[in-house]
Amino acid sequence: MADTGYDVTLIAPCSGDNVVSGVKITGVPVPSSRLHRMLVTSRQIFSTALKLNADVYHFHDPELIPVGLLLKLHGKCVIYDSHENLPGDLLTKEWLHPRLRYAASKVAATVQTLAVRMFDAVIAATAPVAKLFPSQKTAIVQNFPRVEELPPSNQDYQSRGNVAIYVGDITGIRGAVEMVRAMAAISLSYDPTLLMAGNIYPQQLERDLQNECGWERVTYVGFCSRTELPTLLGKARMGLVLLHPVPNLIDAQPVKLFEYLCAGIPIVASDFPLWRKLVDQVGCGLLVNPLKPDEIAEAICWILNHPIEAEAMGNRGREAVHRIFNWDNEARSLLNLYGRILN
């Protein structure tokens, strides 16, 4: 939006105000807990937003639905950006007691449905998420990479070590345990390495992973910035996307999947219908049952044993991102939505 000439302000918990890439950052105090964020930070965000007197308010955190409704009551134009199936997501939240998850999911579905009736538009990150909302006010803007952020690696694919990479939040539901166990199932003759970049949640999971036999084959680098990402991807022969088959993730399109393709490496991914359609269309990787480490290990070994075919998969993936699955195409959808609302 800023690149196009809009005056953009981002309100978010941070240490202070700043300007980044033409976007004004207006900080509110960083919350001390989840409850503090929900009860106090949301109020701070609302009061800060109201003072801006903006033409359009665009929010993407479901916790800010009440803020969006208050802004509507003040006569403001509000866009709800839904990047996930909120009711489905609550069914898997570890911070919710299992007995409360179903009730919380139902309440969230009702609140979301009623709130959307008041909002001016909804942006959905995927086609399945878009089906949750009225078609006449919903636009699909998919979270695809900007190709200029991930240039081709200087390291030739065939000269790379036997490295698989995972980038993103490292959690149980995103296949962390199965990835590490898959490394233990691969023969030592391959000298395999799993490069993991991201924060591990919760802390107990990190201790559990360190107790797994496959952890000795893991290189954990912690959180990596956008500028560090191309270098890490340039070391790998494949990227892993092994989300568990839970309601909120089956229809997800994690950006890491397309970042792997943009970097020219094949994927080993969960065998979900949405992802199978992509892999069948492009021919860019292998699909597995994400709950079976032996099956994951077998797919990793296939890619290591077939380097020519694997490189061709990666090349097809990169070409598909440059043609179809890139941010430039999605930006047009976003700009068109803003144009319709402001007119």
C-alpha atoms as a PDB file:
ATOM      1  CA  MET A   1       0.000   0.000   0.000  1.00  0.00           C
ATOM      2  CA  ALA A   2       2.830   2.403   0.859  1.00  0.00           C
ATOM      3  CA  ASP A   3       4.631   1.623  -2.398  1.00  0.00           C
ATOM      4  CA  THR A   4       1.485   2.600  -4.280  1.00  0.00           C
ATOM      5  CA  GLY A   5       1.241   5.979  -2.607  1.00  0.00           C
ATOM      6  CA  TYR A   6      -1.067   5.378   0.336  1.00  0.00           C
ATOM      7  CA  ASP A   7      -0.272   7.012   3.669  1.00  0.00           C
ATOM      8  CA  VAL A   8       0.100   3.876   5.803  1.00  0.00           C
ATOM      9  CA  THR A   9       0.417   3.632   9.577  1.00  0.00           C
ATOM     10  CA  LEU A  10       0.943   0.316  11.360  1.00  0.00           C
ATOM     11  CA  ILE A  11      -0.171   0.183  14.995  1.00  0.00           C
ATOM     12  CA  ALA A  12       1.501  -2.678  16.854  1.00  0.00           C
ATOM     13  CA  PRO A  13       3.135  -3.570  20.169  1.00  0.00           C
ATOM     14  CA  CYS A  14       6.740  -2.352  19.952  1.00  0.00           C
ATOM     15  CA  SER A  15       9.255  -0.248  21.855  1.00  0.00           C
ATOM     16  CA  GLY A  16       8.641   3.018  20.009  1.00  0.00           C
ATOM     17  CA  ASP A  17       7.635   4.855  16.839  1.00  0.00           C
ATOM     18  CA  ASN A  18       9.557   4.471  13.590  1.00  0.00           C
ATOM     19  CA  VAL A  19       9.306   4.598   9.813  1.00  0.00           C
ATOM     20  CA  VAL A  20      10.179   1.444   7.855  1.00  0.00           C
ATOM     21  CA  SER A  21       9.994   1.252   4.044  1.00  0.00           C
ATOM     22  CA  GLY A  22       7.640   4.198   3.964  1.00  0.00           C
ATOM     23  CA  VAL A  23       5.326   2.760   6.625  1.00  0.00           C
ATOM     24  CA  LYS A  24       4.856   4.724   9.847  1.00  0.00           C
ATOM     25  CA  ILE A  25       5.121   2.456  12.886  1.00  0.00           C
ATOM     26  CA  THR A  26       3.117   3.652  15.883  1.00  0.00           C
ATOM     27  CA  GLY A  27       3.941   1.597  18.939  1.00  0.00           C
ATOM     28  CA  VAL A  28       1.785   0.621  21.886  1.00  0.00           C
ATOM     29  CA  PRO A  29       3.315  -0.984  25.006  1.00  0.00           C
ATOM     30  CA  VAL A  30       4.338  -4.609  24.604  1.00  0.00           C
ATOM     31  CA  PRO A  31       1.892  -6.761  26.630  1.00  0.00           C
ATOM     32  CA  SER A  32       3.162  -8.795  29.551  1.00  0.00           C
ATOM     33  CA  SER A  33       0.800 -11.718  28.984  1.00  0.00           C
ATOM     34  CA  ARG A  34      -1.912 -13.029  26.686  1.00  0.00           C
ATOM     35  CA  LEU A  35      -4.616 -11.737  29.046  1.00  0.00           C
ATOM     36  CA  HIS A  36      -2.942  -8.318  29.208  1.00  0.00           C
ATOM     37  CA  ARG A  37      -2.816  -8.238  25.400  1.00  0.00           C
ATOM     38  CA  MET A  38      -6.511  -9.040  25.091  1.00  0.00           C
ATOM     39  CA  LEU A  39      -7.790  -6.700  27.810  1.00  0.00           C
ATOM     40  CA  VAL A  40      -5.348  -3.789  27.830  1.00  0.00           C
ATOM     41  CA  THR A  41      -3.406  -3.731  24.556  1.00  0.00           C
ATOM     42  CA  SER A  42      -6.604  -3.906  22.492  1.00  0.00           C
ATOM     43  CA  ARG A  43      -7.927  -0.772  24.232  1.00  0.00           C
ATOM     44  CA  GLN A  44      -4.633   1.005  23.593  1.00  0.00           C
ATOM     45  CA  ILE A  45      -4.763   0.051  19.935  1.00  0.00           C
ATOM     46  CA  PHE A  46      -8.329   1.351  19.636  1.00  0.00           C
ATOM     47  CA  SER A  47      -7.582   4.742  21.192  1.00  0.00           C
ATOM     48  CA  THR A  48      -4.440   5.112  19.066  1.00  0.00           C
ATOM     49  CA  ALA A  49      -6.300   4.128  15.902  1.00  0.00           C
ATOM     50  CA  LEU A  50      -9.162   6.530  16.556  1.00  0.00           C
ATOM     51  CA  LYS A  51      -6.754   9.451  16.928  1.00  0.00           C
ATOM     52  CA  LEU A  52      -5.355   8.751  13.455  1.00  0.00           C
ATOM     53  CA  ASN A  53      -8.750   9.459  11.858  1.00  0.00           C
ATOM     54  CA  ALA A  54      -7.825   7.206   8.911  1.00  0.00           C
ATOM     55  CA  ASP A  55      -9.911   6.643   5.791  1.00  0.00           C
ATOM     56  CA  VAL A  56      -9.618   2.845   6.146  1.00  0.00           C
ATOM     57  CA  TYR A  57      -8.815   0.607   9.121  1.00  0.00           C
ATOM     58  CA  HIS A  58      -7.440  -2.827   8.221  1.00  0.00           C
ATOM     59  CA  PHE A  59      -6.802  -5.417  10.959  1.00  0.00           C
ATOM     60  CA  HIS A  60      -5.750  -9.065  10.827  1.00  0.00           C
ATOM     61  CA  ASP A  61      -5.798 -10.276  14.431  1.00  0.00           C
ATOM     62  CA  PRO A  62      -9.116 -11.886  15.484  1.00  0.00           C
ATOM     63  CA  GLU A  63      -8.593 -10.461  18.984  1.00  0.00           C
ATOM     64  CA  LEU A  64      -9.163  -7.037  17.405  1.00  0.00           C
ATOM     65  CA  ILE A  65     -12.696  -7.829  16.197  1.00  0.00           C
ATOM     66  CA  PRO A  66     -14.120  -5.765  19.124  1.00  0.00           C
ATOM     67  CA  VAL A  67     -11.810  -2.903  18.101  1.00  0.00           C
ATOM     68  CA  GLY A  68     -13.106  -3.151  14.542  1.00  0.00           C
ATOM     69  CA  LEU A  69     -16.694  -3.001  15.783  1.00  0.00           C
ATOM     70  CA  LEU A  70     -15.969   0.057  17.933  1.00  0.00           C
ATOM     71  CA  LEU A  71     -14.404   1.776  14.929  1.00  0.00           C
ATOM     72  CA  LYS A  72     -17.538   0.994  12.890  1.00  0.00           C
ATOM     73  CA  LEU A  73     -19.679   2.557  15.646  1.00  0.00           C
ATOM     74  CA  HIS A  74     -17.556   5.680  15.178  1.00  0.00           C
ATOM     75  CA  GLY A  75     -18.441   5.697  11.473  1.00  0.00           C
ATOM     76  CA  LYS A  76     -15.123   4.316  10.207  1.00  0.00           C
ATOM     77  CA  CYS A  77     -14.436   2.056   7.212  1.00  0.00           C
ATOM     78  CA  VAL A  78     -13.109  -1.311   8.455  1.00  0.00           C
ATOM     79  CA  ILE A  79     -11.545  -4.311   6.670  1.00  0.00           C
ATOM     80  CA  TYR A  80     -11.195  -7.647   8.451  1.00  0.00           C
ATOM     81  CA  ASP A  81      -8.186  -9.634   7.200  1.00  0.00           C
ATOM     82  CA  SER A  82      -8.741 -13.326   7.964  1.00  0.00           C
ATOM     83  CA  HIS A  83      -5.628 -15.411   7.399  1.00  0.00           C
ATOM     84  CA  GLU A  84      -7.013 -18.574   8.979  1.00  0.00           C
ATOM     85  CA  ASN A  85     -10.106 -20.524   9.939  1.00  0.00           C
ATOM     86  CA  LEU A  86     -10.606 -18.931  13.363  1.00  0.00           C
ATOM     87  CA  PRO A  87     -13.097 -21.489  14.769  1.00  0.00           C
ATOM     88  CA  GLY A  88     -10.897 -24.329  13.562  1.00  0.00           C
ATOM     89  CA  ASP A  89      -7.802 -22.670  14.991  1.00  0.00           C
ATOM     90  CA  LEU A  90      -9.293 -22.535  18.494  1.00  0.00           C
ATOM     91  CA  LEU A  91      -9.803 -26.302  18.447  1.00  0.00           C
ATOM     92  CA  THR A  92      -6.014 -26.735  18.504  1.00  0.00           C
ATOM     93  CA  LYS A  93      -4.882 -23.962  20.876  1.00  0.00           C
ATOM     94  CA  GLU A  94      -2.703 -25.437  23.622  1.00  0.00           C
ATOM     95  CA  TRP A  95      -3.355 -22.483  25.946  1.00  0.00           C
ATOM     96  CA  LEU A  96      -7.063 -23.390  25.991  1.00  0.00           C
ATOM     97  CA  HIS A  97      -8.170 -26.263  28.204  1.00  0.00           C
ATOM     98  CA  PRO A  98      -9.320 -29.145  25.933  1.00  0.00           C
ATOM     99  CA  ARG A  99     -12.812 -29.056  27.485  1.00  0.00           C
ATOM    100  CA  LEU A 100     -13.173 -25.379  26.585  1.00  0.00           C
ATOM    101  CA  ARG A 101     -11.971 -25.518  22.995  1.00  0.00           C
ATOM    102  CA  TYR A 102     -15.213 -26.662  21.371  1.00  0.00           C
ATOM    103  CA  ALA A 103     -17.284 -24.030  23.182  1.00  0.00           C
ATOM    104  CA  ALA A 104     -14.717 -21.328  22.370  1.00  0.00           C
ATOM    105  CA  SER A 105     -14.791 -22.375  18.717  1.00  0.00           C
ATOM    106  CA  LYS A 106     -18.580 -22.073  18.553  1.00  0.00           C
ATOM    107  CA  VAL A 107     -18.586 -18.686  20.282  1.00  0.00           C
ATOM    108  CA  ALA A 108     -15.857 -17.396  17.961  1.00  0.00           C
ATOM    109  CA  ALA A 109     -17.769 -18.569  14.886  1.00  0.00           C
ATOM    110  CA  THR A 110     -20.903 -16.748  16.027  1.00  0.00           C
ATOM    111  CA  VAL A 111     -19.077 -13.534  16.942  1.00  0.00           C
ATOM    112  CA  GLN A 112     -17.132 -13.539  13.679  1.00  0.00           C
ATOM    113  CA  THR A 113     -20.268 -14.094  11.580  1.00  0.00           C
ATOM    114  CA  LEU A 114     -22.136 -11.245  13.289  1.00  0.00           C
ATOM    115  CA  ALA A 115     -19.161  -8.874  13.167  1.00  0.00           C
ATOM    116  CA  VAL A 116     -18.507  -9.432   9.471  1.00  0.00           C
ATOM    117  CA  ARG A 117     -22.013  -8.172   8.716  1.00  0.00           C
ATOM    118  CA  MET A 118     -20.882  -4.752   9.973  1.00  0.00           C
ATOM    119  CA  PHE A 119     -17.438  -4.641   8.381  1.00  0.00           C
ATOM    120  CA  ASP A 120     -17.003  -3.081   4.953  1.00  0.00           C
ATOM    121  CA  ALA A 121     -14.929  -5.928   3.503  1.00  0.00           C
ATOM    122  CA  VAL A 122     -13.131  -9.152   4.326  1.00  0.00           C
ATOM    123  CA  ILE A 123      -9.770 -10.288   2.987  1.00  0.00           C
ATOM    124  CA  ALA A 124      -9.187 -14.046   3.027  1.00  0.00           C
ATOM    125  CA  ALA A 125      -5.733 -15.590   2.720  1.00  0.00           C
ATOM    126  CA  THR A 126      -7.003 -18.690   0.884  1.00  0.00           C
ATOM    127  CA  ALA A 127     -10.015 -19.786  -1.119  1.00  0.00           C
ATOM    128  CA  PRO A 128     -11.216 -22.202   1.622  1.00  0.00           C
ATOM    129  CA  VAL A 129     -11.088 -19.382   4.209  1.00  0.00           C
ATOM    130  CA  ALA A 130     -13.023 -17.130   1.808  1.00  0.00           C
ATOM    131  CA  LYS A 131     -15.895 -19.632   1.837  1.00  0.00           C
ATOM    132  CA  LEU A 132     -16.504 -18.747   5.488  1.00  0.00           C
ATOM    133  CA  PHE A 133     -17.605 -15.224   4.546  1.00  0.00           C
ATOM    134  CA  PRO A 134     -20.171 -13.497   2.274  1.00  0.00           C
ATOM    135  CA  SER A 135     -18.830 -13.612  -1.270  1.00  0.00           C
ATOM    136  CA  GLN A 136     -20.072 -10.101  -2.125  1.00  0.00           C
ATOM    137  CA  LYS A 137     -17.742  -8.447   0.386  1.00  0.00           C
ATOM    138  CA  THR A 138     -14.808 -10.898   0.358  1.00  0.00           C
ATOM    139  CA  ALA A 139     -11.574 -10.705  -1.641  1.00  0.00           C
ATOM    140  CA  ILE A 140      -8.856 -13.368  -1.726  1.00  0.00           C
ATOM    141  CA  VAL A 141      -5.342 -12.008  -1.211  1.00  0.00           C
ATOM    142  CA  GLN A 142      -2.918 -14.896  -0.851  1.00  0.00           C
ATOM    143  CA  ASN A 143       0.293 -14.683   1.152  1.00  0.00           C
ATOM    144  CA  PHE A 144       2.767 -15.334  -1.653  1.00  0.00           C
ATOM    145  CA  PRO A 145       6.424 -14.224  -1.567  1.00  0.00           C
ATOM    146  CA  ARG A 146       7.990 -11.221  -3.216  1.00  0.00           C
ATOM    147  CA  VAL A 147      10.388 -12.813  -5.672  1.00  0.00           C
ATOM    148  CA  GLU A 148      12.950 -10.022  -5.311  1.00  0.00           C
ATOM    149  CA  GLU A 149      13.424 -11.007  -1.651  1.00  0.00           C
ATOM    150  CA  LEU A 150      14.573 -14.519  -2.571  1.00  0.00           C
ATOM    151  CA  PRO A 151      17.087 -14.348  -5.439  1.00  0.00           C
ATOM    152  CA  PRO A 152      18.600 -17.592  -6.785  1.00  0.00           C
ATOM    153  CA  SER A 153      21.382 -18.945  -4.607  1.00  0.00           C
ATOM    154  CA  ASN A 154      24.997 -18.619  -5.675  1.00  0.00           C
ATOM    155  CA  GLN A 155      25.582 -22.186  -4.507  1.00  0.00           C
ATOM    156  CA  ASP A 156      25.000 -24.754  -7.220  1.00  0.00           C
ATOM    157  CA  TYR A 157      22.270 -27.241  -6.260  1.00  0.00           C
ATOM    158  CA  GLN A 158      24.380 -30.328  -6.991  1.00  0.00           C
ATOM    159  CA  SER A 159      27.225 -29.127  -4.753  1.00  0.00           C
ATOM    160  CA  ARG A 160      25.087 -28.697  -1.632  1.00  0.00           C
ATOM    161  CA  GLY A 161      25.275 -30.966   1.381  1.00  0.00           C
ATOM    162  CA  ASN A 162      22.478 -33.365   2.318  1.00  0.00           C
ATOM    163  CA  VAL A 163      20.504 -30.624   4.051  1.00  0.00           C
ATOM    164  CA  ALA A 164      16.757 -30.366   4.585  1.00  0.00           C
ATOM    165  CA  ILE A 165      15.424 -27.063   5.907  1.00  0.00           C
ATOM    166  CA  TYR A 166      12.453 -25.925   7.933  1.00  0.00           C
ATOM    167  CA  VAL A 167      11.747 -22.204   8.407  1.00  0.00           C
ATOM    168  CA  GLY A 168       9.017 -20.773  10.626  1.00  0.00           C
ATOM    169  CA  ASP A 169       7.470 -21.228  14.051  1.00  0.00           C
ATOM    170  CA  ILE A 170       8.569 -24.594  15.433  1.00  0.00           C
ATOM    171  CA  THR A 171       5.620 -26.231  17.199  1.00  0.00           C
ATOM    172  CA  GLY A 172       4.212 -29.683  17.713  1.00  0.00           C
ATOM    173  CA  ILE A 173       1.287 -29.075  15.396  1.00  0.00           C
ATOM    174  CA  ARG A 174       3.690 -27.980  12.640  1.00  0.00           C
ATOM    175  CA  GLY A 175       5.469 -31.320  12.686  1.00  0.00           C
ATOM    176  CA  ALA A 176       8.526 -30.520  14.802  1.00  0.00           C
ATOM    177  CA  VAL A 177       8.700 -33.915  16.523  1.00  0.00           C
ATOM    178  CA  GLU A 178       8.075 -35.888  13.325  1.00  0.00           C
ATOM    179  CA  MET A 179      10.797 -33.970  11.457  1.00  0.00           C
ATOM    180  CA  VAL A 180      13.383 -34.724  14.125  1.00  0.00           C
ATOM    181  CA  ARG A 181      12.328 -38.382  14.336  1.00  0.00           C
ATOM    182  CA  ALA A 182      12.545 -38.654  10.552  1.00  0.00           C
ATOM    183  CA  MET A 183      16.197 -37.606  10.761  1.00  0.00           C
ATOM    184  CA  ALA A 184      16.829 -40.464  13.166  1.00  0.00           C
ATOM    185  CA  ALA A 185      15.327 -42.891  10.626  1.00  0.00           C
ATOM    186  CA  ILE A 186      17.775 -41.916   7.853  1.00  0.00           C
ATOM    187  CA  SER A 187      20.918 -43.998   7.401  1.00  0.00           C
ATOM    188  CA  LEU A 188      24.140 -42.461   8.708  1.00  0.00           C
ATOM    189  CA  SER A 189      25.668 -43.023   5.275  1.00  0.00           C
ATOM    190  CA  TYR A 190      23.723 -40.007   4.013  1.00  0.00           C
ATOM    191  CA  ASP A 191      25.269 -37.728   6.661  1.00  0.00           C
ATOM    192  CA  PRO A 192      21.947 -35.839   6.783  1.00  0.00           C
ATOM    193  CA  THR A 193      21.299 -32.472   8.430  1.00  0.00           C
ATOM    194  CA  LEU A 194      18.042 -30.778   9.329  1.00  0.00           C
ATOM    195  CA  LEU A 195      18.443 -27.004   9.411  1.00  0.00           C
ATOM    196  CA  MET A 196      15.731 -25.482  11.620  1.00  0.00           C
ATOM    197  CA  ALA A 197      15.190 -21.722  11.738  1.00  0.00           C
ATOM    198  CA  GLY A 198      12.515 -20.166  13.939  1.00  0.00           C
ATOM    199  CA  ASN A 199      11.313 -19.880  17.515  1.00  0.00           C
ATOM    200  CA  ILE A 200      10.315 -23.056  19.367  1.00  0.00           C
ATOM    201  CA  TYR A 201       6.981 -22.974  21.216  1.00  0.00           C
ATOM    202  CA  PRO A 202       6.473 -23.867  24.038  1.00  0.00           C
ATOM    203  CA  GLN A 203       9.780 -24.086  25.894  1.00  0.00           C
ATOM    204  CA  GLN A 204       8.989 -27.661  26.940  1.00  0.00           C
ATOM    205  CA  LEU A 205       8.954 -28.671  23.268  1.00  0.00           C
ATOM    206  CA  GLU A 206      12.585 -27.598  22.880  1.00  0.00           C
ATOM    207  CA  ARG A 207      13.558 -29.850  25.786  1.00  0.00           C
ATOM    208  CA  ASP A 208      11.533 -32.702  24.292  1.00  0.00           C
ATOM    209  CA  LEU A 209      13.184 -32.283  20.891  1.00  0.00           C
ATOM    210  CA  GLN A 210      16.647 -32.295  22.440  1.00  0.00           C
ATOM    211  CA  ASN A 211      15.845 -35.691  23.962  1.00  0.00           C
ATOM    212  CA  GLU A 212      14.987 -37.175  20.559  1.00  0.00           C
ATOM    213  CA  CYS A 213      17.602 -39.378  18.868  1.00  0.00           C
ATOM    214  CA  GLY A 214      17.417 -37.310  15.687  1.00  0.00           C
ATOM    215  CA  TRP A 215      18.322 -34.044  17.428  1.00  0.00           C
ATOM    216  CA  GLU A 216      22.058 -34.707  16.979  1.00  0.00           C
ATOM    217  CA  ARG A 217      21.456 -34.290  13.243  1.00  0.00           C
ATOM    218  CA  VAL A 218      19.688 -30.941  13.689  1.00  0.00           C
ATOM    219  CA  THR A 219      21.344 -27.556  13.266  1.00  0.00           C
ATOM    220  CA  TYR A 220      19.108 -25.129  15.122  1.00  0.00           C
ATOM    221  CA  VAL A 221      19.815 -21.484  14.304  1.00  0.00           C
ATOM    222  CA  GLY A 222      16.854 -19.848  16.075  1.00  0.00           C
ATOM    223  CA  PHE A 223      14.939 -16.946  14.591  1.00  0.00           C
ATOM    224  CA  CYS A 224      16.251 -15.676  11.249  1.00  0.00           C
ATOM    225  CA  SER A 225      15.470 -12.347   9.594  1.00  0.00           C
ATOM    226  CA  ARG A 226      14.172 -11.869   6.060  1.00  0.00           C
ATOM    227  CA  THR A 227      17.639 -10.809   4.936  1.00  0.00           C
ATOM    228  CA  GLU A 228      19.185 -14.024   6.321  1.00  0.00           C
ATOM    229  CA  LEU A 229      16.605 -16.303   4.727  1.00  0.00           C
ATOM    230  CA  PRO A 230      18.059 -16.511   1.166  1.00  0.00           C
ATOM    231  CA  THR A 231      21.448 -17.649   2.496  1.00  0.00           C
ATOM    232  CA  LEU A 232      19.867 -20.408   4.588  1.00  0.00           C
ATOM    233  CA  LEU A 233      17.643 -21.627   1.747  1.00  0.00           C
ATOM    234  CA  GLY A 234      20.671 -21.655  -0.551  1.00  0.00           C
ATOM    235  CA  LYS A 235      22.254 -24.387   1.604  1.00  0.00           C
ATOM    236  CA  ALA A 236      19.353 -26.838   1.350  1.00  0.00           C
ATOM    237  CA  ARG A 237      18.331 -29.563  -1.074  1.00  0.00           C
ATOM    238  CA  MET A 238      14.689 -29.499   0.046  1.00  0.00           C
ATOM    239  CA  GLY A 239      12.214 -27.660   2.251  1.00  0.00           C
ATOM    240  CA  LEU A 240       9.908 -29.348   4.768  1.00  0.00           C
ATOM    241  CA  VAL A 241       6.271 -28.317   5.315  1.00  0.00           C
ATOM    242  CA  LEU A 242       4.753 -30.993   7.554  1.00  0.00           C
ATOM    243  CA  LEU A 243       1.721 -29.449   9.228  1.00  0.00           C
ATOM    244  CA  HIS A 244      -0.586 -31.812  11.094  1.00  0.00           C
ATOM    245  CA  PRO A 245      -4.011 -32.627   9.592  1.00  0.00           C
ATOM    246  CA  VAL A 246      -6.102 -30.425  11.897  1.00  0.00           C
ATOM    247  CA  PRO A 247      -9.052 -28.270  10.739  1.00  0.00           C
ATOM    248  CA  ASN A 248      -7.190 -24.958  10.720  1.00  0.00           C
ATOM    249  CA  LEU A 249      -4.152 -26.258   8.825  1.00  0.00           C
ATOM    250  CA  ILE A 250      -5.556 -28.563   6.146  1.00  0.00           C
ATOM    251  CA  ASP A 251      -6.663 -25.565   4.078  1.00  0.00           C
ATOM    252  CA  ALA A 252      -3.675 -23.359   4.952  1.00  0.00           C
ATOM    253  CA  GLN A 253      -1.136 -22.033   2.454  1.00  0.00           C
ATOM    254  CA  PRO A 254       1.945 -21.334   4.584  1.00  0.00           C
ATOM    255  CA  VAL A 255       4.197 -18.780   2.954  1.00  0.00           C
ATOM    256  CA  LYS A 256       7.228 -20.964   3.696  1.00  0.00           C
ATOM    257  CA  LEU A 257       5.997 -23.449   1.097  1.00  0.00           C
ATOM    258  CA  PHE A 258       6.176 -20.829  -1.646  1.00  0.00           C
ATOM    259  CA  GLU A 259       9.426 -19.409  -0.283  1.00  0.00           C
ATOM    260  CA  TYR A 260      11.000 -22.838  -0.731  1.00  0.00           C
ATOM    261  CA  LEU A 261       9.756 -22.951  -4.310  1.00  0.00           C
ATOM    262  CA  CYS A 262      10.931 -19.405  -4.977  1.00  0.00           C
ATOM    263  CA  ALA A 263      14.396 -20.455  -3.768  1.00  0.00           C
ATOM    264  CA  GLY A 264      14.399 -23.316  -6.273  1.00  0.00           C
ATOM    265  CA  ILE A 265      14.269 -26.263  -3.872  1.00  0.00           C
ATOM    266  CA  PRO A 266      11.691 -29.089  -3.950  1.00  0.00           C
ATOM    267  CA  ILE A 267       9.287 -29.573  -1.064  1.00  0.00           C
ATOM    268  CA  VAL A 268       8.394 -32.499   1.181  1.00  0.00           C
ATOM    269  CA  ALA A 269       4.904 -31.592   2.326  1.00  0.00           C
ATOM    270  CA  SER A 270       1.805 -32.899   4.063  1.00  0.00           C
ATOM    271  CA  ASP A 271      -0.547 -34.733   1.732  1.00  0.00           C
ATOM    272  CA  PHE A 272      -3.459 -32.282   1.950  1.00  0.00           C
ATOM    273  CA  PRO A 273      -5.924 -31.870  -0.951  1.00  0.00           C
ATOM    274  CA  LEU A 274      -5.014 -28.203  -1.486  1.00  0.00           C
ATOM    275  CA  TRP A 275      -1.293 -28.979  -1.562  1.00  0.00           C
ATOM    276  CA  ARG A 276      -1.740 -32.074  -3.730  1.00  0.00           C
ATOM    277  CA  LYS A 277      -3.398 -29.873  -6.327  1.00  0.00           C
ATOM    278  CA  LEU A 278      -0.341 -27.604  -6.306  1.00  0.00           C
ATOM    279  CA  VAL A 279       2.219 -30.421  -6.440  1.00  0.00           C
ATOM    280  CA  ASP A 280       0.332 -32.239  -9.215  1.00  0.00           C
ATOM    281  CA  GLN A 281       0.050 -29.011 -11.196  1.00  0.00           C
ATOM    282  CA  VAL A 282       3.676 -27.928 -10.859  1.00  0.00           C
ATOM    283  CA  GLY A 283       5.588 -31.157 -10.191  1.00  0.00           C
ATOM    284  CA  CYS A 284       7.628 -29.525  -7.431  1.00  0.00           C
ATOM    285  CA  GLY A 285       7.973 -32.091  -4.653  1.00  0.00           C
ATOM    286  CA  LEU A 286       6.724 -35.101  -2.721  1.00  0.00           C
ATOM    287  CA  LEU A 287       3.710 -35.530  -0.438  1.00  0.00           C
ATOM    288  CA  VAL A 288       3.690 -37.636   2.728  1.00  0.00           C
ATOM    289  CA  ASN A 289       1.638 -38.457   5.780  1.00  0.00           C
ATOM    290  CA  PRO A 290       3.021 -35.837   8.216  1.00  0.00           C
ATOM    291  CA  LEU A 291       2.344 -38.088  11.211  1.00  0.00           C
ATOM    292  CA  LYS A 292       4.668 -40.867   9.974  1.00  0.00           C
ATOM    293  CA  PRO A 293       8.392 -40.104  10.424  1.00  0.00           C
ATOM    294  CA  ASP A 294       9.405 -43.175   8.385  1.00  0.00           C
ATOM    295  CA  GLU A 295       7.433 -41.884   5.406  1.00  0.00           C
ATOM    296  CA  ILE A 296       9.017 -38.443   5.791  1.00  0.00           C
ATOM    297  CA  ALA A 297      12.476 -40.043   5.949  1.00  0.00           C
ATOM    298  CA  GLU A 298      11.748 -42.071   2.812  1.00  0.00           C
ATOM    299  CA  ALA A 299      10.802 -38.924   0.878  1.00  0.00           C
ATOM    300  CA  ILE A 300      13.948 -37.110   2.080  1.00  0.00           C
ATOM    301  CA  CYS A 301      16.091 -40.046   0.958  1.00  0.00           C
ATOM    302  CA  TRP A 302      14.382 -40.125  -2.444  1.00  0.00           C
ATOM    303  CA  ILE A 303      15.335 -36.502  -3.061  1.00  0.00           C
ATOM    304  CA  LEU A 304      18.913 -37.150  -1.920  1.00  0.00           C
ATOM    305  CA  ASN A 305      19.127 -40.225  -4.159  1.00  0.00           C
ATOM    306  CA  HIS A 306      17.710 -38.405  -7.223  1.00  0.00           C
ATOM    307  CA  PRO A 307      19.554 -35.067  -7.348  1.00  0.00           C
ATOM    308  CA  ILE A 308      18.884 -34.413 -11.048  1.00  0.00           C
ATOM    309  CA  GLU A 309      15.135 -34.971 -10.673  1.00  0.00           C
ATOM    310  CA  ALA A 310      15.115 -32.969  -7.417  1.00  0.00           C
ATOM    311  CA  GLU A 311      16.823 -29.997  -9.064  1.00  0.00           C
ATOM    312  CA  ALA A 312      14.271 -30.142 -11.888  1.00  0.00           C
ATOM    313  CA  MET A 313      11.467 -30.081  -9.287  1.00  0.00           C
ATOM    314  CA  GLY A 314      13.023 -27.007  -7.721  1.00  0.00           C
ATOM    315  CA  ASN A 315      13.370 -25.271 -11.082  1.00  0.00           C
ATOM    316  CA  ARG A 316       9.725 -25.944 -11.904  1.00  0.00           C
ATOM    317  CA  GLY A 317       8.707 -24.566  -8.530  1.00  0.00           C
ATOM    318  CA  ARG A 318      10.721 -21.376  -9.015  1.00  0.00           C
ATOM    319  CA  GLU A 319       9.244 -20.872 -12.475  1.00  0.00           C
ATOM    320  CA  ALA A 320       5.706 -21.334 -11.103  1.00  0.00           C
ATOM    321  CA  VAL A 321       6.308 -18.717  -8.396  1.00  0.00           C
ATOM    322  CA  HIS A 322       7.616 -16.221 -10.937  1.00  0.00           C
ATOM    323  CA  ARG A 323       4.591 -16.830 -13.179  1.00  0.00           C
ATOM    324  CA  ILE A 324       1.728 -17.347 -10.728  1.00  0.00           C
ATOM    325  CA  PHE A 325       2.413 -17.654  -6.999  1.00  0.00           C
ATOM    326  CA  ASN A 326       3.985 -14.254  -6.335  1.00  0.00           C
ATOM    327  CA  TRP A 327       3.005 -11.156  -4.394  1.00  0.00           C
ATOM    328  CA  ASP A 328       2.742  -8.867  -7.435  1.00  0.00           C
ATOM    329  CA  ASN A 329      -0.348 -10.758  -8.606  1.00  0.00           C
ATOM    330  CA  GLU A 330      -1.940 -10.634  -5.157  1.00  0.00           C
ATOM    331  CA  ALA A 331      -1.154  -6.936  -4.672  1.00  0.00           C
ATOM    332  CA  ARG A 332      -3.474  -6.123  -7.566  1.00  0.00           C
ATOM    333  CA  SER A 333      -6.341  -7.837  -5.749  1.00  0.00           C
ATOM    334  CA  LEU A 334      -5.585  -5.849  -2.602  1.00  0.00           C
ATOM    335  CA  LEU A 335      -5.393  -2.535  -4.452  1.00  0.00           C
ATOM    336  CA  ASN A 336      -8.599  -3.259  -6.350  1.00  0.00           C
ATOM    337  CA  LEU A 337     -10.432  -3.888  -3.064  1.00  0.00           C
ATOM    338  CA  TYR A 338      -9.209  -0.600  -1.598  1.00  0.00           C
ATOM    339  CA  GLY A 339     -10.195   1.192  -4.765  1.00  0.00           C
ATOM    340  CA  ARG A 340     -13.745  -0.154  -4.608  1.00  0.00           C
ATOM    341  CA  ILE A 341     -14.148   0.750  -0.920  1.00  0.00           C
ATOM    342  CA  LEU A 342     -12.751   4.266  -1.202  1.00  0.00           C
ATOM    343  CA  ASN A 343     -14.865   5.012  -4.267  1.00  0.00           C
END
